[in-house]
Amino acid sequence: MREIRLGEGSGPLRGVKVVEIAGIGPGPHACMILADLGADVVRVERPGGHWAAGGPHDLLNRGRPSVALDLKHPEAVQTVLALVEDADVLVEGMRPGVLERLGLGPDVLHARNPRLVVGRMTGWGQTGPWAEVAGHDLTYVAVSGALHGLGQDQARPHFPGNLLGDFGGGSTYLVVGVLAALLEAKTSGQGQVVDAAVVDGTAHLNAIGAAFLAMPGHREERAANLLDGGAPFYDVYETADGRHMAVGALEPQFHDLFLDLLGIADTAPDRLDRSQHDELRRQVGDAFRSRTQAEWASVFDGTDACVAPVLPLAEAVEHPHLRAREVFVEHAGQVQPAPAPRFSRTTTALGLPPAPTAGSDTRAALEAWGIADVDGLVERGVAVQT
């Protein structure tokens, strides 16, 4: 059994206590961030865990113990309320109304702890005609207006896994909202509900898209504009070994250096002449196909040409710059992203590795949080120790 101690986080959220009602995707990612930043987070899971949980390698569940409670049992609900009494935040990611049906709605929570911040993570939000409709990252970003412009394939959009919606528009905005509400609660003494929806956050992330839409000449087409591959100096090119280089030479001085290092400065047409973009793209493509990715990476290394190799994650961990900054670290035998961002005084550090199974920390965590009669809860089937 792992030892659980509170208040040992080293980041700026040290001393903040968070109760997580386990879910999948953005909720766990948000709680991973809070734990990375030093908060004491306890993850309350259903006995047996969720079908999508990744066990001891699921990094979204790192930094916090796992407690298995059967929330259909009234004593389990009372146990959560006991945890909430001394907590600052509760995070949940169920469909609207489910928490209320369990007897843990915001009114009940605030009656027990008026200063509690309740972070609610959903795809569509707590209100609206689709609030209770099932969905996933792909459908949320589709409706938000972000998916339509993704990728350089004019025939169909391409999506970046579930990074944009679940984690960009979802968990990141949930954390922002929770931290803002925590700050306000310190002044008012009152908690509140943070309604974080993937569609809201993704639309907000795409504020630049709304700005471009209002500008003359912008087209809502893929590979037709400055930052979507429409410009040959902001695109991805194949190298001789079938790998790729990313080019972001937007500013004139960077573009001039790019052409010089690529070896086509004397033949490349004027980049401001859109009628010559096909020719410029051809010359850039031909040049990149003449050498391997490693050779071009060496040419552009440390320059202001704004060119970088496109690396798979397994190679990104070994990139000299990322290695020097320790962007990835080895912890509990697994290479993983280090906490971000960084702080000059309240430095962060990784804590517990992901629990091997749901409920593996039930006894230790509940006792550390001051819950009475933990053995009795386990004996009565209210809590499960795996």
Protein backbone atom coordinates (compact mmCIF):
# COMPACT_ATOMS: atom_id res chain seq x y z
CA MET A 1 0.00 0.00 0.00
CA ARG A 2 1.34 3.44 -0.95
CA GLU A 3 1.83 6.04 1.75
CA ILE A 4 -0.37 9.12 1.33
CA ARG A 5 0.54 12.40 2.98
CA LEU A 6 -1.13 15.76 2.51
CA GLY A 7 0.58 19.12 2.08
CA GLU A 8 3.77 17.76 0.54
CA GLY A 9 3.36 19.29 -2.91
CA SER A 10 6.11 21.73 -3.83
CA GLY A 11 4.26 23.90 -6.35
CA PRO A 12 2.27 27.13 -5.93
CA LEU A 13 -0.95 25.21 -5.15
CA ARG A 14 0.52 23.53 -2.10
CA GLY A 15 -2.20 23.26 0.54
CA VAL A 16 -5.09 23.43 -1.93
CA LYS A 17 -7.29 20.34 -1.56
CA VAL A 18 -9.21 18.94 -4.51
CA VAL A 19 -11.80 16.15 -4.67
CA GLU A 20 -11.99 14.62 -8.14
CA ILE A 21 -15.04 12.59 -9.16
CA ALA A 22 -13.27 10.46 -11.75
CA GLY A 23 -14.15 10.65 -15.41
CA ILE A 24 -12.24 10.44 -18.67
CA GLY A 25 -10.41 12.91 -20.91
CA PRO A 26 -10.37 16.57 -19.89
CA GLY A 27 -11.42 16.10 -16.25
CA PRO A 28 -8.47 13.85 -15.36
CA HIS A 29 -6.11 16.07 -17.37
CA ALA A 30 -7.26 19.13 -15.42
CA CYS A 31 -6.70 17.33 -12.12
CA MET A 32 -3.29 16.16 -13.33
CA ILE A 33 -2.40 19.82 -13.88
CA LEU A 34 -3.66 20.80 -10.42
CA ALA A 35 -1.66 17.96 -8.85
CA ASP A 36 1.43 18.90 -10.88
CA LEU A 37 1.12 22.41 -9.47
CA GLY A 38 1.19 21.08 -5.91
CA ALA A 39 -2.46 20.59 -4.95
CA ASP A 40 -3.57 17.62 -2.86
CA VAL A 41 -6.00 15.79 -5.15
CA VAL A 42 -7.92 12.66 -4.22
CA ARG A 43 -9.45 10.74 -7.14
CA VAL A 44 -12.79 9.12 -6.32
CA GLU A 45 -13.48 6.27 -8.74
CA ARG A 46 -16.19 3.70 -9.18
CA PRO A 47 -15.20 0.19 -8.00
CA GLY A 48 -13.45 -1.50 -10.89
CA GLY A 49 -12.56 1.82 -12.51
CA HIS A 50 -13.56 3.10 -15.93
CA TRP A 51 -13.23 0.98 -19.06
CA ALA A 52 -11.00 3.65 -20.65
CA ALA A 53 -8.59 3.94 -17.71
CA GLY A 54 -5.02 3.10 -18.62
CA GLY A 55 -3.83 1.67 -15.31
CA PRO A 56 -0.30 2.38 -14.06
CA HIS A 57 0.75 3.97 -17.37
CA ASP A 58 -2.17 6.42 -17.61
CA LEU A 59 -0.31 9.68 -17.03
CA LEU A 60 -3.56 11.66 -16.85
CA ASN A 61 -4.06 10.02 -13.45
CA ARG A 62 -0.62 10.78 -12.04
CA GLY A 63 0.02 12.76 -8.90
CA ARG A 64 -2.95 11.61 -6.84
CA PRO A 65 -4.27 8.56 -4.98
CA SER A 66 -7.20 6.46 -6.17
CA VAL A 67 -10.16 5.82 -3.87
CA ALA A 68 -12.93 3.46 -4.96
CA LEU A 69 -16.38 4.37 -3.64
CA ASP A 70 -19.75 2.98 -4.69
CA LEU A 71 -21.68 6.25 -5.07
CA LYS A 72 -24.96 4.35 -5.33
CA HIS A 73 -24.50 3.64 -1.62
CA PRO A 74 -25.70 6.48 0.68
CA GLU A 75 -22.66 6.06 2.92
CA ALA A 76 -20.38 6.62 -0.06
CA VAL A 77 -22.16 9.90 -0.81
CA GLN A 78 -21.70 10.92 2.81
CA THR A 79 -18.02 10.03 2.54
CA VAL A 80 -17.63 12.38 -0.44
CA LEU A 81 -19.41 15.10 1.53
CA ALA A 82 -17.01 14.52 4.41
CA LEU A 83 -14.09 14.93 1.98
CA VAL A 84 -15.68 18.11 0.63
CA GLU A 85 -15.98 19.69 4.09
CA ASP A 86 -12.24 20.35 4.16
CA ALA A 87 -11.67 20.75 0.41
CA ASP A 88 -11.25 23.84 -1.74
CA VAL A 89 -12.35 22.35 -5.07
CA LEU A 90 -14.49 19.52 -6.41
CA VAL A 91 -14.07 18.55 -10.07
CA GLU A 92 -16.51 16.34 -11.98
CA GLY A 93 -17.04 15.49 -15.63
CA MET A 94 -20.41 13.73 -15.84
CA ARG A 95 -23.38 14.72 -17.96
CA PRO A 96 -25.51 17.55 -16.53
CA GLY A 97 -27.82 16.31 -13.82
CA VAL A 98 -25.92 13.14 -12.91
CA LEU A 99 -24.16 14.69 -9.92
CA GLU A 100 -27.50 15.97 -8.67
CA ARG A 101 -29.08 12.54 -9.00
CA LEU A 102 -26.27 11.10 -6.89
CA GLY A 103 -27.10 13.59 -4.15
CA LEU A 104 -23.96 15.64 -4.73
CA GLY A 105 -25.28 18.64 -6.64
CA PRO A 106 -23.80 22.11 -6.09
CA ASP A 107 -26.55 23.11 -3.64
CA VAL A 108 -25.77 20.10 -1.44
CA LEU A 109 -22.03 20.66 -1.74
CA HIS A 110 -22.26 24.35 -0.88
CA ALA A 111 -24.51 23.61 2.08
CA ARG A 112 -21.65 21.49 3.43
CA ASN A 113 -18.86 23.88 2.35
CA PRO A 114 -19.92 27.38 1.19
CA ARG A 115 -16.43 28.28 -0.09
CA LEU A 116 -16.13 25.23 -2.34
CA VAL A 117 -15.33 25.77 -6.02
CA VAL A 118 -17.23 23.21 -8.11
CA GLY A 119 -15.57 22.64 -11.49
CA ARG A 120 -17.92 20.98 -13.97
CA MET A 121 -16.36 19.67 -17.19
CA THR A 122 -18.61 18.77 -20.11
CA GLY A 123 -18.51 18.87 -23.89
CA TRP A 124 -21.62 20.92 -24.56
CA GLY A 125 -21.96 22.77 -21.23
CA GLN A 126 -24.54 22.68 -18.45
CA THR A 127 -27.21 24.41 -20.54
CA GLY A 128 -28.44 24.43 -24.14
CA PRO A 129 -30.42 21.99 -26.30
CA TRP A 130 -27.46 19.58 -26.61
CA ALA A 131 -26.40 19.76 -22.95
CA GLU A 132 -27.33 16.14 -22.22
CA VAL A 133 -26.39 14.73 -25.63
CA ALA A 134 -23.40 12.37 -25.86
CA GLY A 135 -20.33 13.60 -27.70
CA HIS A 136 -16.57 13.49 -27.93
CA ASP A 137 -13.73 15.86 -28.82
CA LEU A 138 -14.29 15.43 -32.55
CA THR A 139 -17.96 16.44 -32.43
CA TYR A 140 -17.32 19.37 -30.08
CA VAL A 141 -14.61 20.92 -32.26
CA ALA A 142 -16.73 20.26 -35.35
CA VAL A 143 -19.61 22.41 -34.08
CA SER A 144 -17.34 25.10 -32.59
CA GLY A 145 -16.05 26.15 -36.03
CA ALA A 146 -12.49 25.00 -35.39
CA LEU A 147 -12.43 21.65 -37.20
CA HIS A 148 -13.50 23.02 -40.57
CA GLY A 149 -10.20 24.80 -41.15
CA LEU A 150 -7.82 22.14 -39.84
CA GLY A 151 -5.34 20.48 -42.16
CA GLN A 152 -4.05 21.20 -45.64
CA ASP A 153 -6.31 18.75 -47.46
CA GLN A 154 -8.86 20.78 -49.40
CA ALA A 155 -11.12 17.75 -49.75
CA ARG A 156 -11.64 17.13 -46.02
CA PRO A 157 -10.54 18.48 -42.62
CA HIS A 158 -8.03 16.60 -40.45
CA PHE A 159 -8.12 16.59 -36.67
CA PRO A 160 -5.20 16.59 -34.18
CA GLY A 161 -6.27 13.62 -32.07
CA ASN A 162 -8.19 14.94 -29.07
CA LEU A 163 -5.68 17.63 -28.19
CA LEU A 164 -7.64 20.64 -29.44
CA GLY A 165 -11.01 20.03 -27.82
CA ASP A 166 -10.56 17.84 -24.75
CA PHE A 167 -7.31 19.38 -23.59
CA GLY A 168 -7.05 22.76 -25.32
CA GLY A 169 -10.63 23.96 -25.09
CA GLY A 170 -11.58 21.65 -22.22
CA SER A 171 -9.20 20.90 -19.37
CA THR A 172 -7.08 24.02 -19.83
CA TYR A 173 -10.11 26.27 -19.51
CA LEU A 174 -11.42 24.26 -16.57
CA VAL A 175 -8.14 24.87 -14.74
CA VAL A 176 -8.23 28.58 -15.61
CA GLY A 177 -11.79 28.80 -14.30
CA VAL A 178 -11.05 26.88 -11.11
CA LEU A 179 -8.01 29.02 -10.31
CA ALA A 180 -9.93 32.24 -11.00
CA ALA A 181 -12.80 31.09 -8.76
CA LEU A 182 -10.35 30.07 -6.03
CA LEU A 183 -8.78 33.51 -6.13
CA GLU A 184 -12.17 35.19 -5.90
CA ALA A 185 -13.26 32.91 -3.04
CA LYS A 186 -10.32 34.11 -0.96
CA THR A 187 -11.87 37.58 -1.04
CA SER A 188 -15.58 36.77 -0.90
CA GLY A 189 -15.46 33.61 1.20
CA GLN A 190 -17.95 32.08 -1.23
CA GLY A 191 -17.48 29.32 -3.74
CA GLN A 192 -19.22 28.99 -7.07
CA VAL A 193 -19.79 26.67 -10.01
CA VAL A 194 -17.37 26.75 -12.94
CA ASP A 195 -19.24 25.61 -16.07
CA ALA A 196 -16.39 24.58 -18.39
CA ALA A 197 -17.51 23.29 -21.80
CA VAL A 198 -15.26 22.07 -24.59
CA VAL A 199 -17.29 24.00 -27.16
CA ASP A 200 -16.90 27.23 -25.18
CA GLY A 201 -13.16 26.87 -24.68
CA THR A 202 -12.45 25.76 -28.25
CA ALA A 203 -14.41 28.72 -29.63
CA HIS A 204 -12.42 30.99 -27.32
CA LEU A 205 -9.13 29.42 -28.44
CA ASN A 206 -10.14 30.27 -31.98
CA ALA A 207 -10.50 34.00 -31.36
CA ILE A 208 -7.80 34.56 -33.97
CA GLY A 209 -9.99 32.68 -36.45
CA ALA A 210 -12.84 35.10 -35.76
CA ALA A 211 -10.40 37.97 -36.27
CA PHE A 212 -9.18 36.55 -39.60
CA LEU A 213 -12.78 36.01 -40.72
CA ALA A 214 -13.41 39.74 -40.43
CA MET A 215 -10.34 40.62 -42.51
CA PRO A 216 -10.50 41.22 -46.27
CA GLY A 217 -9.12 38.37 -48.35
CA HIS A 218 -9.53 35.62 -45.78
CA ARG A 219 -11.24 32.50 -47.08
CA GLU A 220 -12.84 29.76 -45.00
CA GLU A 221 -11.03 27.12 -46.98
CA ARG A 222 -8.20 24.81 -45.99
CA ALA A 223 -4.71 25.61 -47.33
CA ALA A 224 -5.89 28.99 -48.58
CA ASN A 225 -4.59 31.45 -45.97
CA LEU A 226 -1.43 32.60 -44.24
CA LEU A 227 -1.30 30.10 -41.36
CA ASP A 228 -3.04 27.05 -42.80
CA GLY A 229 -0.60 26.02 -45.52
CA GLY A 230 -1.85 28.48 -48.10
CA ALA A 231 1.49 30.28 -48.00
CA PRO A 232 4.53 28.27 -49.16
CA PHE A 233 6.67 29.81 -46.41
CA TYR A 234 4.40 28.43 -43.66
CA ASP A 235 4.00 24.75 -44.41
CA VAL A 236 5.43 21.25 -43.98
CA TYR A 237 7.78 19.70 -46.56
CA GLU A 238 8.98 16.17 -47.19
CA THR A 239 12.69 15.35 -47.08
CA ALA A 240 14.76 12.78 -49.01
CA ASP A 241 14.15 10.08 -46.41
CA GLY A 242 10.37 10.51 -46.34
CA ARG A 243 10.35 12.59 -43.18
CA HIS A 244 9.33 16.23 -42.85
CA MET A 245 10.49 19.74 -41.97
CA ALA A 246 8.20 22.46 -40.60
CA VAL A 247 8.68 25.94 -42.08
CA GLY A 248 7.39 29.07 -40.36
CA ALA A 249 9.40 31.80 -42.10
CA LEU A 250 6.74 34.53 -41.87
CA GLU A 251 8.75 37.70 -41.29
CA PRO A 252 10.79 39.06 -44.25
CA GLN A 253 14.15 38.77 -42.49
CA PHE A 254 13.46 35.19 -41.43
CA HIS A 255 12.25 34.33 -44.92
CA ASP A 256 15.39 35.74 -46.50
CA LEU A 257 17.58 33.63 -44.21
CA PHE A 258 15.39 30.60 -44.93
CA LEU A 259 15.88 30.93 -48.69
CA ASP A 260 19.62 31.48 -48.26
CA LEU A 261 20.11 28.37 -46.09
CA LEU A 262 17.86 26.36 -48.39
CA GLY A 263 20.08 27.40 -51.31
CA ILE A 264 17.42 29.00 -53.52
CA ALA A 265 17.82 32.69 -52.68
CA ASP A 266 18.90 33.51 -56.26
CA THR A 267 16.00 31.75 -58.00
CA ALA A 268 13.05 32.05 -55.62
CA PRO A 269 10.27 34.38 -56.80
CA ASP A 270 8.86 37.26 -54.76
CA ARG A 271 6.91 35.75 -51.87
CA LEU A 272 4.45 38.65 -51.88
CA ASP A 273 3.35 37.77 -55.40
CA ARG A 274 0.59 35.21 -54.80
CA SER A 275 0.59 34.30 -58.47
CA GLN A 276 4.13 32.94 -57.91
CA HIS A 277 3.32 30.87 -54.83
CA ASP A 278 3.09 27.62 -56.78
CA GLU A 279 6.56 28.20 -58.20
CA LEU A 280 7.98 29.12 -54.79
CA ARG A 281 6.42 26.01 -53.27
CA ARG A 282 7.92 23.86 -56.05
CA GLN A 283 11.41 25.23 -55.47
CA VAL A 284 11.17 24.84 -51.70
CA GLY A 285 9.84 21.30 -52.07
CA ASP A 286 12.53 20.28 -54.54
CA ALA A 287 15.23 21.64 -52.25
CA PHE A 288 13.96 19.79 -49.18
CA ARG A 289 13.72 16.53 -51.11
CA SER A 290 17.43 16.75 -51.92
CA ARG A 291 18.58 15.94 -48.36
CA THR A 292 17.47 13.93 -45.36
CA GLN A 293 15.67 15.39 -42.38
CA ALA A 294 18.79 15.03 -40.22
CA GLU A 295 20.87 16.93 -42.77
CA TRP A 296 18.36 19.78 -43.00
CA ALA A 297 17.95 19.87 -39.22
CA SER A 298 21.71 20.41 -38.98
CA VAL A 299 21.58 23.22 -41.56
CA PHE A 300 18.84 25.13 -39.75
CA ASP A 301 19.87 24.29 -36.17
CA GLY A 302 20.12 27.42 -34.03
CA THR A 303 19.21 29.84 -36.83
CA ASP A 304 16.38 32.39 -37.10
CA ALA A 305 14.98 30.80 -40.25
CA CYS A 306 12.10 29.34 -38.21
CA VAL A 307 12.55 25.80 -39.51
CA ALA A 308 12.41 22.65 -37.37
CA PRO A 309 12.21 18.90 -37.92
CA VAL A 310 8.83 17.23 -37.42
CA LEU A 311 9.57 14.66 -34.71
CA PRO A 312 7.52 11.76 -33.37
CA LEU A 313 7.10 11.83 -29.59
CA ALA A 314 9.65 9.06 -29.08
CA GLU A 315 12.30 11.28 -30.72
CA ALA A 316 11.06 14.58 -29.29
CA VAL A 317 12.11 13.44 -25.82
CA GLU A 318 15.71 13.31 -27.08
CA HIS A 319 15.80 16.69 -28.82
CA PRO A 320 18.76 18.69 -27.41
CA HIS A 321 16.69 21.76 -26.52
CA LEU A 322 13.91 19.78 -24.83
CA ARG A 323 16.47 17.63 -23.06
CA ALA A 324 18.36 20.70 -21.79
CA ARG A 325 15.14 22.17 -20.38
CA GLU A 326 14.02 18.77 -19.04
CA VAL A 327 10.69 19.10 -20.81
CA PHE A 328 10.42 15.32 -20.47
CA VAL A 329 11.58 13.49 -17.36
CA GLU A 330 11.72 9.90 -16.21
CA HIS A 331 9.57 9.28 -13.18
CA ALA A 332 8.68 5.92 -11.66
CA GLY A 333 10.26 4.21 -14.64
CA GLN A 334 8.23 6.08 -17.27
CA VAL A 335 9.29 8.96 -19.51
CA GLN A 336 6.66 11.71 -19.34
CA PRO A 337 6.13 15.47 -19.68
CA ALA A 338 7.36 17.47 -16.72
CA PRO A 339 4.92 19.84 -14.97
CA ALA A 340 4.35 23.11 -16.79
CA PRO A 341 4.67 26.06 -16.53
CA ARG A 342 7.71 26.74 -14.37
CA PHE A 343 8.00 28.89 -11.27
CA SER A 344 11.06 30.71 -9.91
CA ARG A 345 10.29 30.07 -6.24
CA THR A 346 7.54 27.50 -5.76
CA THR A 347 9.06 24.92 -8.06
CA THR A 348 6.96 21.95 -9.08
CA ALA A 349 7.77 18.24 -8.85
CA LEU A 350 6.02 15.03 -9.84
CA GLY A 351 4.33 13.12 -7.04
CA LEU A 352 2.60 9.76 -7.02
CA PRO A 353 2.71 7.74 -10.22
CA PRO A 354 -0.69 6.64 -11.57
CA ALA A 355 -2.46 4.13 -9.35
CA PRO A 356 -2.05 0.56 -10.62
CA THR A 357 -5.79 -0.11 -10.18
CA ALA A 358 -8.87 1.87 -9.16
CA GLY A 359 -9.08 1.81 -5.38
CA SER A 360 -5.48 0.83 -4.69
CA ASP A 361 -5.12 3.81 -2.30
CA THR A 362 -8.58 3.72 -0.72
CA ARG A 363 -7.56 3.07 2.89
CA ALA A 364 -4.45 5.24 2.94
CA ALA A 365 -6.06 8.20 1.18
CA LEU A 366 -9.28 8.25 3.17
CA GLU A 367 -7.32 8.02 6.42
CA ALA A 368 -4.99 10.83 5.30
CA TRP A 369 -8.06 13.00 4.57
CA GLY A 370 -9.43 12.32 8.06
CA ILE A 371 -12.31 9.98 7.19
CA ALA A 372 -13.43 7.90 10.17
CA ASP A 373 -14.09 4.15 10.22
CA VAL A 374 -12.42 3.40 6.90
CA ASP A 375 -12.23 -0.29 7.72
CA GLY A 376 -15.97 -0.29 8.33
CA LEU A 377 -16.62 1.38 4.97
CA VAL A 378 -14.58 -1.32 3.27
CA GLU A 379 -16.27 -4.12 5.20
CA ARG A 380 -19.74 -2.81 4.28
CA GLY A 381 -18.85 -2.52 0.58
CA VAL A 382 -19.14 1.27 0.59
CA ALA A 383 -15.45 1.59 -0.27
CA VAL A 384 -13.23 -0.91 -2.08
CA GLN A 385 -9.53 -1.46 -1.38
CA THR A 386 -7.84 -3.27 -4.28
